[in-house]
């Protein structure tokens, strides 16, 4: 029998974050909950916004997730931010 566990974490763009679920992970998924991007107080005409999250790996009790959060304006100014993700793990009970 398995148990479903949930953990919310904040990941900086381009980074990974490991979560220990305390018991063996059988399967895992990740979903974006929120993201934050900013050029500061200057006015910019946006060209691109991209936000993504994924499971990098899971082994034993741990799940490692990655995320990217990117924004670019029409002048090719770039900004990177952070992503709040929800990790859902199916674990041994």
C-alpha atoms as a PDB file:
ATOM      1  CA  UNK A   1       0.000   0.000   0.000  1.00  0.00           C
ATOM      2  CA  UNK A   2       1.219   3.518  -0.743  1.00  0.00           C
ATOM      3  CA  UNK A   3       0.661   6.995   0.672  1.00  0.00           C
ATOM      4  CA  UNK A   4       0.488  10.264  -1.261  1.00  0.00           C
ATOM      5  CA  UNK A   5       2.540  13.097   0.234  1.00  0.00           C
ATOM      6  CA  UNK A   6       2.796  16.763  -0.777  1.00  0.00           C
ATOM      7  CA  UNK A   7       5.568  19.342  -0.310  1.00  0.00           C
ATOM      8  CA  UNK A   8       5.690  22.930  -1.569  1.00  0.00           C
ATOM      9  CA  UNK A   9       9.113  24.488  -2.226  1.00  0.00           C
ATOM     10  CA  UNK A  10      10.520  27.654  -3.803  1.00  0.00           C
ATOM     11  CA  UNK A  11      13.150  27.098  -6.521  1.00  0.00           C
ATOM     12  CA  UNK A  12      15.330  29.846  -8.009  1.00  0.00           C
ATOM     13  CA  UNK A  13      15.392  29.872 -11.811  1.00  0.00           C
ATOM     14  CA  UNK A  14      17.943  27.379 -13.129  1.00  0.00           C
ATOM     15  CA  UNK A  15      18.439  25.717  -9.737  1.00  0.00           C
ATOM     16  CA  UNK A  16      17.422  22.375  -8.255  1.00  0.00           C
ATOM     17  CA  UNK A  17      15.893  21.601  -4.871  1.00  0.00           C
ATOM     18  CA  UNK A  18      15.821  18.218  -3.079  1.00  0.00           C
ATOM     19  CA  UNK A  19      12.928  17.206  -0.834  1.00  0.00           C
ATOM     20  CA  UNK A  20      13.147  14.342   1.675  1.00  0.00           C
ATOM     21  CA  UNK A  21       9.769  12.622   2.074  1.00  0.00           C
ATOM     22  CA  UNK A  22      10.959  10.422   4.959  1.00  0.00           C
ATOM     23  CA  UNK A  23      10.052   7.150   3.244  1.00  0.00           C
ATOM     24  CA  UNK A  24      10.842   5.496  -0.094  1.00  0.00           C
ATOM     25  CA  UNK A  25       9.420   7.396  -3.081  1.00  0.00           C
ATOM     26  CA  UNK A  26       7.742   5.187  -5.700  1.00  0.00           C
ATOM     27  CA  UNK A  27       6.712   7.935  -8.138  1.00  0.00           C
ATOM     28  CA  UNK A  28       6.625  11.732  -8.202  1.00  0.00           C
ATOM     29  CA  UNK A  29       5.150  14.676 -10.097  1.00  0.00           C
ATOM     30  CA  UNK A  30       5.601  18.429  -9.898  1.00  0.00           C
ATOM     31  CA  UNK A  31       3.299  21.372 -10.652  1.00  0.00           C
ATOM     32  CA  UNK A  32       3.873  25.133 -10.780  1.00  0.00           C
ATOM     33  CA  UNK A  33       1.985  26.931  -7.991  1.00  0.00           C
ATOM     34  CA  UNK A  34       3.291  30.462  -8.531  1.00  0.00           C
ATOM     35  CA  UNK A  35       6.170  32.395 -10.024  1.00  0.00           C
ATOM     36  CA  UNK A  36       7.780  35.791  -9.544  1.00  0.00           C
ATOM     37  CA  UNK A  37       9.497  37.918 -12.193  1.00  0.00           C
ATOM     38  CA  UNK A  38      10.444  41.581 -12.143  1.00  0.00           C
ATOM     39  CA  UNK A  39      12.315  44.178 -14.173  1.00  0.00           C
ATOM     40  CA  UNK A  40      12.036  46.511 -11.177  1.00  0.00           C
ATOM     41  CA  UNK A  41      10.237  49.830 -11.530  1.00  0.00           C
ATOM     42  CA  UNK A  42      11.227  50.556 -15.167  1.00  0.00           C
ATOM     43  CA  UNK A  43       8.668  50.222 -17.971  1.00  0.00           C
ATOM     44  CA  UNK A  44       9.329  47.318 -20.380  1.00  0.00           C
ATOM     45  CA  UNK A  45       7.409  45.979 -23.386  1.00  0.00           C
ATOM     46  CA  UNK A  46       7.393  42.221 -22.873  1.00  0.00           C
ATOM     47  CA  UNK A  47       8.331  39.836 -25.637  1.00  0.00           C
ATOM     48  CA  UNK A  48       8.625  36.471 -23.829  1.00  0.00           C
ATOM     49  CA  UNK A  49       7.718  34.891 -20.494  1.00  0.00           C
ATOM     50  CA  UNK A  50       8.592  31.257 -19.833  1.00  0.00           C
ATOM     51  CA  UNK A  51       7.984  29.215 -16.667  1.00  0.00           C
ATOM     52  CA  UNK A  52       8.637  25.482 -16.268  1.00  0.00           C
ATOM     53  CA  UNK A  53       9.215  22.839 -13.604  1.00  0.00           C
ATOM     54  CA  UNK A  54      10.266  19.206 -13.772  1.00  0.00           C
ATOM     55  CA  UNK A  55      11.386  16.216 -11.735  1.00  0.00           C
ATOM     56  CA  UNK A  56      15.160  15.971 -12.130  1.00  0.00           C
ATOM     57  CA  UNK A  57      15.325  12.636 -10.289  1.00  0.00           C
ATOM     58  CA  UNK A  58      13.968  10.600  -7.412  1.00  0.00           C
ATOM     59  CA  UNK A  59      15.799   7.966  -5.431  1.00  0.00           C
ATOM     60  CA  UNK A  60      15.229   6.499  -1.999  1.00  0.00           C
ATOM     61  CA  UNK A  61      13.409   9.064   0.141  1.00  0.00           C
ATOM     62  CA  UNK A  62      14.344  12.091  -1.983  1.00  0.00           C
ATOM     63  CA  UNK A  63      12.872  13.881  -4.980  1.00  0.00           C
ATOM     64  CA  UNK A  64      14.922  16.518  -6.805  1.00  0.00           C
ATOM     65  CA  UNK A  65      13.046  19.160  -8.798  1.00  0.00           C
ATOM     66  CA  UNK A  66      14.231  21.893 -11.139  1.00  0.00           C
ATOM     67  CA  UNK A  67      12.553  25.054 -12.356  1.00  0.00           C
ATOM     68  CA  UNK A  68      13.118  27.912 -14.764  1.00  0.00           C
ATOM     69  CA  UNK A  69      11.479  31.315 -14.814  1.00  0.00           C
ATOM     70  CA  UNK A  70      12.534  33.732 -17.541  1.00  0.00           C
ATOM     71  CA  UNK A  71      11.326  36.990 -19.041  1.00  0.00           C
ATOM     72  CA  UNK A  72      12.636  39.068 -21.954  1.00  0.00           C
ATOM     73  CA  UNK A  73      11.545  42.423 -23.319  1.00  0.00           C
ATOM     74  CA  UNK A  74      11.632  43.776 -26.878  1.00  0.00           C
ATOM     75  CA  UNK A  75      15.086  45.294 -26.206  1.00  0.00           C
ATOM     76  CA  UNK A  76      16.383  41.817 -25.206  1.00  0.00           C
ATOM     77  CA  UNK A  77      16.704  42.756 -21.520  1.00  0.00           C
ATOM     78  CA  UNK A  78      16.371  39.559 -19.503  1.00  0.00           C
ATOM     79  CA  UNK A  79      15.101  38.841 -15.997  1.00  0.00           C
ATOM     80  CA  UNK A  80      15.087  35.616 -14.017  1.00  0.00           C
ATOM     81  CA  UNK A  81      12.975  34.835 -10.980  1.00  0.00           C
ATOM     82  CA  UNK A  82      11.751  32.036  -8.762  1.00  0.00           C
ATOM     83  CA  UNK A  83       9.102  29.350  -9.037  1.00  0.00           C
ATOM     84  CA  UNK A  84       6.948  27.914  -6.245  1.00  0.00           C
ATOM     85  CA  UNK A  85       6.280  24.267  -7.032  1.00  0.00           C
ATOM     86  CA  UNK A  86       4.157  21.541  -5.479  1.00  0.00           C
ATOM     87  CA  UNK A  87       5.811  18.122  -5.402  1.00  0.00           C
ATOM     88  CA  UNK A  88       3.440  15.154  -5.174  1.00  0.00           C
ATOM     89  CA  UNK A  89       5.082  11.867  -4.187  1.00  0.00           C
ATOM     90  CA  UNK A  90       3.664   8.364  -4.006  1.00  0.00           C
ATOM     91  CA  UNK A  91       5.547   6.795  -1.080  1.00  0.00           C
ATOM     92  CA  UNK A  92       5.768   3.450   0.724  1.00  0.00           C
ATOM     93  CA  UNK A  93       3.522   3.525   3.771  1.00  0.00           C
END
